[in-house]
Amino acid sequence: MAINPDYFKEERNKEWRIQLRQGIKNKERVSRERIKMPEQDPDVRNKNSKEVNLGLSEKQAVTESQRCIDCPDPTCITGCPVEINIPEFIKYIEAGDFLSSARVLKQTNSLPAVCGRVCPQEVQCEVQCFYVKKMNKPAVAIGHLERFAADYERSSGKIFVPETAEKNNIKVGIIGSGPGGLTAAGDLAKYGYDVKVFEALHELGGVLKYGIPEFRLPNDIVDVEIDNLRKMGVSFVTNFIVGKTASFSDLKKEGFVAFFVASGAGLPRFMNVPGENYVGIFSANEYLTRVNLMNAAKQDFDTPVLFGKKVAVIGGGNTAMDSVRTAKRLGAERSMIIYRRSFEEMPARIEEIKHAEEEGIEFLNLNSPVEYYADKNGRVNRMKVQKMKLGEPDKSGRRRPIPVEGSEYDIDVDLVVVSVGVSPNPLIPKSLPELKVTKWGTIEVNPDNMQSSIPYIFAGGDIVRGGATVILAMGDGRKAAAGMHDYILKTVKKK
């Protein structure tokens, strides 16, 4: 069923809106329960790398879309960092016009199939939903519906390629092919620029590939989104380190007039715990990159990774959940999260914690490592942890963990993954001494347009934020693309 394209214009369907305000059509909608996403059985999925969430059927998607009451003031849009027209794409699903729904998504989102899987909608668009704000009920499943529309389009073979302006032959460079870089590339291509993305690794996708396991985000999903950018005219080069392979001066001589730096926060942090350098203690970045991007878990690949039977992951964020669930799938008999705060303070998505619990992950909250021990070969075989209690809130708003004296005890481990945060990649700032950075090593930018202290350089994502979500990096990419376009119109084109 196709919708008349005039339906979604500003003056659309006034009779419907009047009836909405009177509550005539809402009674049935608000009485519906939120659709639950079908999943693999926990005892099956914790032994394979296939996607946990199975996606909605057409019937489920239409049923869930019917819960949306088409608010006159859709605050869900303001909760979205890339400002997707959420009511519009959902109403197309309700009408059964799934391809049009995907087109609406692509107006502002270059990676809808990615966002539908990994975006924390529960704290962004969905928390702004009428059901949450006014009725204390579960929000419309915006993320599930976004994934459905994107997946339907991909499986249909009728993938929409957004229109681009006539080529203006002005070259712009994107440094990093993660979510922020890909988003900026898509928007700049729409403006008509000659866009080239420089990626340091051998695979495109950045954190989407090396940092997120396939049981959450399959690599082929990312590849399809990237291929769509190619069809828009974006070009890519891998194994290219800006600042090493070529300097910014070199690239400017080649005709590049502006750059968006989206090089991420790939420098792992450790805790400076005694014994942290023993064999078998990884940063989460290294562990996940070896498994996700370098096929270390497969017997016929040369990239090594240590397998553990008793695995401890230190941390409570999404990366920690990815690491501990990966260890479980690689054969760990005991997979543990060790986190110094309580469940309530864990920064990981509720869904990720739930999935981890279902898969047999053990949670040792209010515990923190204080020392590691090793066998005669130097491989970690034991760790000492100390129990914690919660004190007053710190600057983050979470209650500060305080060590409990005399509470130390030992745990047998043969693999430890440290997932306590990351620091910005220092390469770009080091290659540009005049670039202003914060005391944390992040690039200083104007938050309105993401422009740095060097006018032709813009930046966003983790290199600015120090560590954030995929969708926030994408929001930075959109804002930077608009800022770069404005800068070029005011400076480059006037010359």
Protein backbone atom coordinates (compact mmCIF):
# COMPACT_ATOMS: atom_id res chain seq x y z
CA MET A 1 0.00 0.00 0.00
CA ALA A 2 1.51 3.32 -1.06
CA ILE A 3 0.88 6.57 0.77
CA ASN A 4 0.08 9.75 -1.12
CA PRO A 5 3.31 11.78 -0.91
CA ASP A 6 1.31 14.85 0.12
CA TYR A 7 0.28 13.03 3.31
CA PHE A 8 3.37 14.12 5.19
CA LYS A 9 3.40 17.77 4.20
CA GLU A 10 2.96 20.39 6.93
CA GLU A 11 -0.77 20.74 6.32
CA ARG A 12 -1.27 16.95 6.12
CA ASN A 13 -4.32 15.16 7.33
CA LYS A 14 -5.79 17.92 9.48
CA GLU A 15 -8.89 15.87 10.22
CA TRP A 16 -6.71 13.10 11.65
CA ARG A 17 -4.89 15.55 13.90
CA ILE A 18 -8.14 17.00 15.19
CA GLN A 19 -9.38 13.51 16.01
CA LEU A 20 -6.08 12.71 17.69
CA ARG A 21 -6.39 15.66 20.01
CA GLN A 22 -9.93 14.60 20.84
CA GLY A 23 -8.71 11.10 21.63
CA ILE A 24 -11.04 9.44 19.12
CA LYS A 25 -8.40 7.31 17.41
CA ASN A 26 -5.98 6.85 20.28
CA LYS A 27 -7.82 4.47 22.60
CA GLU A 28 -6.91 1.34 20.68
CA ARG A 29 -3.35 2.52 20.05
CA VAL A 30 -2.42 3.25 23.64
CA SER A 31 -3.92 -0.02 24.87
CA ARG A 32 -1.48 -2.09 22.78
CA GLU A 33 1.53 -3.69 24.43
CA ARG A 34 4.99 -3.01 23.03
CA ILE A 35 6.18 -5.74 20.69
CA LYS A 36 9.12 -7.79 21.99
CA MET A 37 12.04 -8.39 19.67
CA PRO A 38 12.46 -12.12 18.89
CA GLU A 39 15.84 -13.46 20.02
CA GLN A 40 17.99 -16.55 19.77
CA ASP A 41 17.71 -18.87 22.77
CA PRO A 42 20.39 -17.82 25.32
CA ASP A 43 21.87 -21.33 25.63
CA VAL A 44 22.22 -21.52 21.84
CA ARG A 45 23.45 -18.00 21.07
CA ASN A 46 26.17 -18.01 23.73
CA LYS A 47 27.95 -20.64 21.63
CA ASN A 48 27.73 -18.89 18.25
CA SER A 49 28.47 -15.49 16.74
CA LYS A 50 25.13 -15.08 14.97
CA GLU A 51 23.02 -12.04 15.72
CA VAL A 52 21.14 -12.28 19.01
CA ASN A 53 18.17 -10.13 17.99
CA LEU A 54 16.29 -11.66 15.08
CA GLY A 55 14.31 -8.65 13.87
CA LEU A 56 10.59 -7.97 13.58
CA SER A 57 8.32 -9.64 11.05
CA GLU A 58 6.23 -7.43 8.76
CA LYS A 59 3.17 -8.11 10.89
CA GLN A 60 5.01 -7.27 14.12
CA ALA A 61 6.42 -4.07 12.62
CA VAL A 62 3.02 -2.87 11.43
CA THR A 63 1.44 -3.72 14.78
CA GLU A 64 4.12 -1.83 16.70
CA SER A 65 3.94 1.15 14.34
CA GLN A 66 0.23 1.43 15.12
CA ARG A 67 1.12 2.38 18.70
CA CYS A 68 2.53 5.71 17.49
CA ILE A 69 -0.15 8.36 18.06
CA ASP A 70 1.45 10.90 15.68
CA CYS A 71 1.95 13.57 18.35
CA PRO A 72 1.37 17.16 17.18
CA ASP A 73 4.71 18.01 18.83
CA PRO A 74 6.93 14.94 18.23
CA THR A 75 9.61 15.33 20.91
CA CYS A 76 11.11 12.01 19.84
CA ILE A 77 12.75 13.91 16.94
CA THR A 78 14.50 16.32 19.28
CA GLY A 79 15.84 13.33 21.22
CA CYS A 80 17.58 12.00 18.10
CA PRO A 81 21.12 13.35 17.50
CA VAL A 82 20.68 13.09 13.71
CA GLU A 83 17.08 14.36 13.81
CA ILE A 84 15.33 11.53 11.98
CA ASN A 85 11.70 12.34 11.16
CA ILE A 86 10.53 9.51 13.40
CA PRO A 87 6.73 9.88 13.09
CA GLU A 88 7.03 9.99 9.31
CA PHE A 89 9.10 6.82 8.92
CA ILE A 90 6.86 5.00 11.40
CA LYS A 91 3.66 6.06 9.62
CA TYR A 92 5.00 4.66 6.37
CA ILE A 93 5.51 1.32 8.13
CA GLU A 94 1.95 1.45 9.44
CA ALA A 95 0.74 1.95 5.87
CA GLY A 96 2.83 -0.99 4.65
CA ASP A 97 5.05 1.22 2.51
CA PHE A 98 8.33 -0.07 3.94
CA LEU A 99 10.61 1.22 1.20
CA SER A 100 9.34 4.77 1.67
CA SER A 101 10.03 4.36 5.38
CA ALA A 102 13.66 3.54 4.61
CA ARG A 103 13.90 6.58 2.35
CA VAL A 104 12.76 8.85 5.15
CA LEU A 105 15.45 7.38 7.42
CA LYS A 106 18.12 8.05 4.83
CA GLN A 107 17.22 11.72 4.59
CA THR A 108 19.22 12.32 7.77
CA ASN A 109 20.81 8.99 8.66
CA SER A 110 23.46 7.35 6.49
CA LEU A 111 23.54 4.21 8.67
CA PRO A 112 19.96 3.25 9.61
CA ALA A 113 20.60 -0.51 9.82
CA VAL A 114 23.50 0.19 12.19
CA CYS A 115 21.58 2.62 14.38
CA GLY A 116 18.61 0.29 14.59
CA ARG A 117 20.92 -2.23 16.24
CA VAL A 118 23.35 -0.33 18.45
CA CYS A 119 21.87 3.11 19.14
CA PRO A 120 20.75 3.57 22.77
CA GLN A 121 17.24 4.69 21.82
CA GLU A 122 16.04 4.10 25.37
CA VAL A 123 17.93 7.20 26.57
CA GLN A 124 17.44 9.34 23.47
CA CYS A 125 14.42 9.28 21.15
CA GLU A 126 12.39 6.70 23.07
CA VAL A 127 12.72 8.47 26.43
CA GLN A 128 11.02 11.44 24.75
CA CYS A 129 8.08 9.32 23.59
CA PHE A 130 4.53 10.26 24.65
CA TYR A 131 4.10 6.88 26.34
CA VAL A 132 7.10 7.44 28.62
CA LYS A 133 6.51 11.11 29.35
CA LYS A 134 2.73 11.07 29.81
CA MET A 135 1.63 7.50 30.54
CA ASN A 136 4.57 5.79 32.26
CA LYS A 137 4.39 3.00 29.69
CA PRO A 138 7.01 1.51 27.34
CA ALA A 139 7.88 3.76 24.42
CA VAL A 140 7.14 2.96 20.82
CA ALA A 141 9.98 0.62 19.74
CA ILE A 142 11.61 3.21 17.50
CA GLY A 143 14.91 1.35 17.25
CA HIS A 144 13.28 -1.96 16.35
CA LEU A 145 11.24 -0.22 13.65
CA GLU A 146 14.29 1.57 12.26
CA ARG A 147 16.09 -1.74 11.99
CA PHE A 148 13.06 -3.32 10.33
CA ALA A 149 12.78 -0.65 7.64
CA ALA A 150 16.50 -0.74 6.86
CA ASP A 151 16.60 -4.54 6.78
CA TYR A 152 13.51 -4.73 4.59
CA GLU A 153 15.06 -2.35 2.08
CA ARG A 154 18.30 -4.34 2.01
CA SER A 155 16.57 -7.70 1.54
CA SER A 156 14.30 -6.25 -1.19
CA GLY A 157 17.29 -5.47 -3.40
CA LYS A 158 15.82 -1.98 -3.99
CA ILE A 159 18.30 0.00 -1.94
CA PHE A 160 17.69 3.72 -2.18
CA VAL A 161 20.72 5.86 -2.98
CA PRO A 162 20.16 9.44 -1.73
CA GLU A 163 20.37 12.15 -4.34
CA THR A 164 23.51 14.27 -4.52
CA ALA A 165 24.04 17.75 -5.88
CA GLU A 166 25.96 18.28 -9.09
CA LYS A 167 29.67 17.66 -8.47
CA ASN A 168 31.53 20.87 -7.64
CA ASN A 169 35.02 19.28 -7.89
CA ILE A 170 36.00 20.55 -4.46
CA LYS A 171 37.97 17.94 -2.51
CA VAL A 172 37.32 17.27 1.19
CA GLY A 173 38.94 14.62 3.36
CA ILE A 174 37.48 12.47 6.12
CA ILE A 175 39.95 10.94 8.58
CA GLY A 176 38.48 7.74 9.97
CA SER A 177 35.74 5.49 8.64
CA GLY A 178 33.79 5.05 11.85
CA PRO A 179 30.21 6.28 12.36
CA GLY A 180 31.11 9.97 12.55
CA GLY A 181 33.31 9.86 9.46
CA LEU A 182 30.81 7.87 7.40
CA THR A 183 27.98 10.23 8.33
CA ALA A 184 29.97 13.34 7.42
CA ALA A 185 30.99 11.69 4.15
CA GLY A 186 27.37 11.01 3.22
CA ASP A 187 26.20 14.54 3.97
CA LEU A 188 29.15 16.14 2.15
CA ALA A 189 28.47 13.94 -0.89
CA LYS A 190 24.89 15.24 -0.90
CA TYR A 191 26.31 18.77 -1.09
CA GLY A 192 28.25 17.75 -4.22
CA TYR A 193 31.79 17.55 -2.82
CA ASP A 194 34.50 15.14 -3.94
CA VAL A 195 34.77 13.16 -0.68
CA LYS A 196 37.60 10.80 0.20
CA VAL A 197 37.72 8.80 3.45
CA PHE A 198 41.14 7.85 4.82
CA GLU A 199 41.18 4.76 7.07
CA ALA A 200 44.27 3.63 9.00
CA LEU A 201 43.23 -0.02 9.23
CA HIS A 202 42.80 -2.58 6.47
CA GLU A 203 39.00 -2.71 6.86
CA LEU A 204 36.47 0.09 6.68
CA GLY A 205 33.98 0.76 9.45
CA GLY A 206 36.08 1.85 12.40
CA VAL A 207 34.58 0.93 15.75
CA LEU A 208 31.55 -0.55 13.95
CA LYS A 209 33.86 -3.32 12.72
CA TYR A 210 36.63 -3.70 15.31
CA GLY A 211 34.74 -2.76 18.45
CA ILE A 212 31.27 -4.30 18.12
CA PRO A 213 30.92 -8.11 17.86
CA GLU A 214 28.93 -9.66 15.06
CA PHE A 215 26.35 -11.02 17.49
CA ARG A 216 25.32 -7.40 17.94
CA LEU A 217 26.23 -5.88 14.57
CA PRO A 218 27.09 -8.20 11.65
CA ASN A 219 29.91 -6.94 9.45
CA ASP A 220 27.90 -7.39 6.26
CA ILE A 221 25.35 -4.87 7.56
CA VAL A 222 28.12 -2.28 7.85
CA ASP A 223 29.47 -3.20 4.41
CA VAL A 224 26.09 -2.56 2.75
CA GLU A 225 25.85 0.88 4.34
CA ILE A 226 29.40 1.72 3.19
CA ASP A 227 28.67 0.46 -0.33
CA ASN A 228 25.72 2.84 -0.49
CA LEU A 229 28.09 5.72 0.25
CA ARG A 230 30.28 4.55 -2.64
CA LYS A 231 27.25 4.76 -4.90
CA MET A 232 26.84 8.36 -3.75
CA GLY A 233 30.36 9.05 -4.99
CA VAL A 234 32.37 8.73 -1.77
CA SER A 235 35.80 7.13 -2.27
CA PHE A 236 37.78 5.22 0.34
CA VAL A 237 41.42 4.41 0.94
CA THR A 238 42.61 1.95 3.59
CA ASN A 239 45.99 1.44 5.27
CA PHE A 240 46.46 5.21 5.15
CA ILE A 241 47.51 7.08 8.29
CA VAL A 242 47.06 10.83 7.98
CA GLY A 243 50.04 12.33 9.77
CA LYS A 244 52.29 9.40 8.80
CA THR A 245 51.46 8.13 5.30
CA ALA A 246 50.88 11.74 4.29
CA SER A 247 50.72 15.00 6.21
CA PHE A 248 47.93 17.54 6.08
CA SER A 249 50.26 19.74 4.03
CA ASP A 250 50.72 16.93 1.53
CA LEU A 251 46.97 16.48 1.21
CA LYS A 252 46.36 20.21 0.83
CA LYS A 253 48.86 20.22 -2.04
CA GLU A 254 46.71 17.50 -3.63
CA GLY A 255 43.76 19.90 -3.56
CA PHE A 256 41.93 19.05 -0.32
CA VAL A 257 40.44 22.22 1.14
CA ALA A 258 38.90 20.97 4.40
CA PHE A 259 39.02 17.92 6.65
CA PHE A 260 36.81 16.21 9.20
CA VAL A 261 38.84 14.38 11.85
CA ALA A 262 36.97 11.35 13.18
CA SER A 263 39.95 9.29 14.29
CA GLY A 264 38.27 8.03 17.45
CA ALA A 265 39.58 7.17 20.88
CA GLY A 266 41.65 4.09 20.25
CA LEU A 267 44.19 4.48 23.04
CA PRO A 268 43.26 2.03 25.81
CA ARG A 269 43.37 2.91 29.49
CA PHE A 270 44.62 0.65 32.24
CA MET A 271 44.29 0.85 36.01
CA ASN A 272 47.98 0.66 37.03
CA VAL A 273 47.24 -2.40 39.13
CA PRO A 274 50.33 -4.45 40.10
CA GLY A 275 50.83 -7.32 37.66
CA GLU A 276 48.85 -5.67 34.86
CA ASN A 277 51.57 -6.50 32.33
CA TYR A 278 51.35 -10.27 32.73
CA VAL A 279 50.58 -12.43 29.72
CA GLY A 280 46.83 -12.92 29.34
CA ILE A 281 45.81 -9.41 30.34
CA PHE A 282 44.36 -7.48 27.38
CA SER A 283 42.78 -4.12 26.83
CA ALA A 284 39.23 -4.48 25.53
CA ASN A 285 40.32 -2.66 22.35
CA GLU A 286 43.01 -5.21 21.55
CA TYR A 287 40.89 -8.20 22.53
CA LEU A 288 37.88 -7.21 20.46
CA THR A 289 39.94 -6.02 17.49
CA ARG A 290 41.79 -9.33 17.30
CA VAL A 291 38.54 -11.29 17.38
CA ASN A 292 36.19 -9.01 15.41
CA LEU A 293 38.48 -7.64 12.73
CA MET A 294 41.42 -10.03 12.50
CA ASN A 295 39.62 -13.40 12.71
CA ALA A 296 41.69 -14.47 15.72
CA ALA A 297 38.94 -16.82 16.90
CA LYS A 298 39.15 -18.89 13.72
CA GLN A 299 41.56 -21.81 13.62
CA ASP A 300 42.67 -21.20 10.02
CA PHE A 301 43.86 -17.62 10.64
CA ASP A 302 47.32 -16.70 11.86
CA THR A 303 46.31 -13.81 14.13
CA PRO A 304 46.66 -15.13 17.68
CA VAL A 305 44.40 -14.62 20.65
CA LEU A 306 44.56 -16.36 24.01
CA PHE A 307 41.57 -18.45 25.01
CA GLY A 308 40.57 -18.54 28.65
CA LYS A 309 38.46 -20.88 30.73
CA LYS A 310 38.16 -18.44 33.64
CA VAL A 311 37.77 -14.95 32.21
CA ALA A 312 37.35 -11.70 34.11
CA VAL A 313 36.34 -8.49 32.35
CA ILE A 314 36.94 -5.30 34.32
CA GLY A 315 34.32 -2.61 33.66
CA GLY A 316 30.59 -2.04 33.30
CA GLY A 317 30.02 -0.43 29.92
CA ASN A 318 28.87 -1.79 26.57
CA THR A 319 32.45 -2.66 25.60
CA ALA A 320 32.82 -4.71 28.76
CA MET A 321 29.60 -6.57 27.91
CA ASP A 322 30.85 -7.18 24.38
CA SER A 323 34.13 -8.54 25.72
CA VAL A 324 32.69 -10.89 28.33
CA ARG A 325 30.04 -12.23 25.95
CA THR A 326 32.75 -12.77 23.33
CA ALA A 327 34.83 -14.74 25.85
CA LYS A 328 31.79 -16.90 26.60
CA ARG A 329 31.38 -17.68 22.92
CA LEU A 330 35.06 -18.59 22.70
CA GLY A 331 34.62 -21.33 25.27
CA ALA A 332 35.05 -19.73 28.69
CA GLU A 333 33.58 -21.87 31.46
CA ARG A 334 33.36 -18.94 33.84
CA SER A 335 32.90 -15.45 32.40
CA MET A 336 32.76 -12.65 34.95
CA ILE A 337 32.11 -8.92 34.96
CA ILE A 338 33.99 -7.22 37.78
CA TYR A 339 32.68 -3.71 38.33
CA ARG A 340 33.36 -1.37 41.21
CA ARG A 341 29.87 0.08 41.37
CA SER A 342 26.40 -1.47 41.64
CA PHE A 343 24.04 -2.57 38.86
CA GLU A 344 22.25 0.78 39.02
CA GLU A 345 25.43 2.67 38.13
CA MET A 346 26.45 0.45 35.22
CA PRO A 347 26.69 2.53 32.02
CA ALA A 348 25.96 -0.40 29.67
CA ARG A 349 22.61 -0.54 27.90
CA ILE A 350 19.91 -2.37 29.84
CA GLU A 351 19.45 -4.73 26.90
CA GLU A 352 23.14 -5.66 26.89
CA ILE A 353 23.15 -6.40 30.62
CA LYS A 354 19.98 -8.46 30.23
CA HIS A 355 21.45 -10.47 27.36
CA ALA A 356 24.67 -11.07 29.29
CA GLU A 357 22.78 -12.35 32.33
CA GLU A 358 20.67 -14.66 30.17
CA GLU A 359 23.81 -16.06 28.56
CA GLY A 360 25.30 -17.12 31.88
CA ILE A 361 27.62 -14.19 32.57
CA GLU A 362 28.45 -13.78 36.27
CA PHE A 363 28.33 -10.27 37.72
CA LEU A 364 30.63 -9.37 40.59
CA ASN A 365 29.49 -5.85 41.29
CA LEU A 366 31.01 -3.70 44.03
CA ASN A 367 34.36 -5.36 43.46
CA SER A 368 37.62 -3.97 42.08
CA PRO A 369 40.97 -5.60 41.18
CA VAL A 370 43.95 -4.69 43.37
CA GLU A 371 46.63 -7.12 42.14
CA TYR A 372 47.31 -9.84 39.53
CA TYR A 373 49.46 -12.96 39.93
CA ALA A 374 51.05 -15.23 37.34
CA ASP A 375 52.32 -18.78 36.91
CA LYS A 376 55.98 -19.62 36.25
CA ASN A 377 55.52 -18.82 32.55
CA GLY A 378 54.31 -15.32 33.29
CA ARG A 379 50.64 -15.92 32.42
CA VAL A 380 48.03 -14.53 34.75
CA ASN A 381 46.46 -17.23 36.93
CA ARG A 382 44.93 -15.36 39.84
CA MET A 383 43.72 -11.93 40.84
CA LYS A 384 43.05 -10.24 44.14
CA VAL A 385 39.88 -8.15 44.33
CA GLN A 386 38.57 -5.87 47.02
CA LYS A 387 34.94 -5.30 47.90
CA MET A 388 33.57 -1.79 47.57
CA LYS A 389 30.73 0.24 49.04
CA LEU A 390 29.02 3.30 47.61
CA GLY A 391 29.58 6.75 49.03
CA GLU A 392 28.38 10.17 47.93
CA PRO A 393 27.80 10.95 44.23
CA ASP A 394 30.80 12.14 42.21
CA LYS A 395 30.87 14.61 39.30
CA SER A 396 29.22 12.05 37.00
CA GLY A 397 26.23 11.85 39.36
CA ARG A 398 26.98 8.25 40.26
CA ARG A 399 27.81 7.27 43.83
CA ARG A 400 31.55 7.05 44.39
CA PRO A 401 32.94 3.55 45.15
CA ILE A 402 34.87 3.31 48.42
CA PRO A 403 37.14 0.32 49.28
CA VAL A 404 36.05 -1.83 52.21
CA GLU A 405 39.09 -2.42 54.41
CA GLY A 406 40.03 -6.06 55.00
CA SER A 407 37.64 -7.37 52.32
CA GLU A 408 40.22 -8.63 49.80
CA TYR A 409 39.90 -12.13 48.33
CA ASP A 410 41.38 -14.09 45.42
CA ILE A 411 39.77 -15.35 42.20
CA ASP A 412 41.32 -17.86 39.81
CA VAL A 413 41.57 -16.42 36.28
CA ASP A 414 43.53 -17.25 33.14
CA LEU A 415 42.41 -14.29 31.01
CA VAL A 416 41.62 -10.70 31.99
CA VAL A 417 40.17 -7.99 29.74
CA VAL A 418 40.42 -4.42 31.02
CA SER A 419 37.54 -2.25 29.81
CA VAL A 420 37.72 0.94 31.84
CA GLY A 421 37.62 3.49 29.05
CA VAL A 422 39.77 4.84 26.25
CA SER A 423 41.73 7.99 25.46
CA PRO A 424 41.73 9.97 22.21
CA ASN A 425 44.01 8.87 19.41
CA PRO A 426 46.99 11.26 19.83
CA LEU A 427 48.35 11.05 16.27
CA ILE A 428 46.44 13.94 14.70
CA PRO A 429 47.10 16.44 17.53
CA LYS A 430 50.79 15.49 17.51
CA SER A 431 51.02 16.09 13.77
CA LEU A 432 49.48 19.57 14.14
CA PRO A 433 51.23 21.43 16.99
CA GLU A 434 49.07 24.53 16.43
CA LEU A 435 45.84 22.54 17.00
CA LYS A 436 44.22 23.35 20.34
CA VAL A 437 43.48 20.33 22.52
CA THR A 438 42.10 19.88 26.01
CA LYS A 439 44.08 18.54 28.97
CA TRP A 440 42.56 15.13 28.14
CA GLY A 441 43.96 15.21 24.61
CA THR A 442 40.63 15.80 22.88
CA ILE A 443 40.39 18.35 20.08
CA GLU A 444 38.75 21.64 21.02
CA VAL A 445 35.92 22.58 18.66
CA ASN A 446 33.13 25.09 18.33
CA PRO A 447 30.11 22.95 19.33
CA ASP A 448 27.89 24.77 16.85
CA ASN A 449 29.80 23.66 13.75
CA MET A 450 32.59 21.35 15.05
CA GLN A 451 35.31 23.67 13.69
CA SER A 452 38.70 23.46 15.40
CA SER A 453 41.26 26.19 16.08
CA ILE A 454 42.60 25.50 12.58
CA PRO A 455 39.81 26.84 10.33
CA TYR A 456 40.00 24.11 7.67
CA ILE A 457 39.92 21.28 10.22
CA PHE A 458 36.70 20.07 11.81
CA ALA A 459 36.43 17.21 14.28
CA GLY A 460 33.84 15.07 16.04
CA GLY A 461 33.10 11.79 17.74
CA ASP A 462 35.45 10.30 20.31
CA ILE A 463 38.41 12.49 19.30
CA VAL A 464 36.31 15.38 20.64
CA ARG A 465 34.12 13.66 23.22
CA GLY A 466 36.71 11.23 24.57
CA GLY A 467 34.29 8.31 24.36
CA ALA A 468 30.66 8.32 23.32
CA THR A 469 27.96 6.41 21.47
CA VAL A 470 27.74 5.67 17.76
CA ILE A 471 24.78 7.99 17.31
CA LEU A 472 26.45 10.93 19.07
CA ALA A 473 29.42 10.56 16.73
CA MET A 474 26.98 10.53 13.83
CA GLY A 475 25.35 13.70 15.12
CA ASP A 476 28.79 15.33 15.21
CA GLY A 477 29.38 14.17 11.64
CA ARG A 478 26.18 15.82 10.40
CA LYS A 479 26.93 19.05 12.24
CA ALA A 480 30.53 19.08 10.94
CA ALA A 481 29.42 18.49 7.34
CA ALA A 482 27.13 21.51 7.54
CA GLY A 483 29.93 23.52 9.15
CA MET A 484 32.42 22.52 6.45
CA HIS A 485 29.95 23.43 3.72
CA ASP A 486 29.42 26.87 5.25
CA TYR A 487 33.19 27.38 5.66
CA ILE A 488 33.86 26.45 2.04
CA LEU A 489 31.10 28.71 0.72
CA LYS A 490 32.46 31.67 2.71
CA THR A 491 36.18 31.15 2.07
CA VAL A 492 37.20 28.71 -0.63
CA LYS A 493 34.52 29.58 -3.20
CA LYS A 494 35.16 33.33 -2.84
CA LYS A 495 38.80 33.00 -3.85
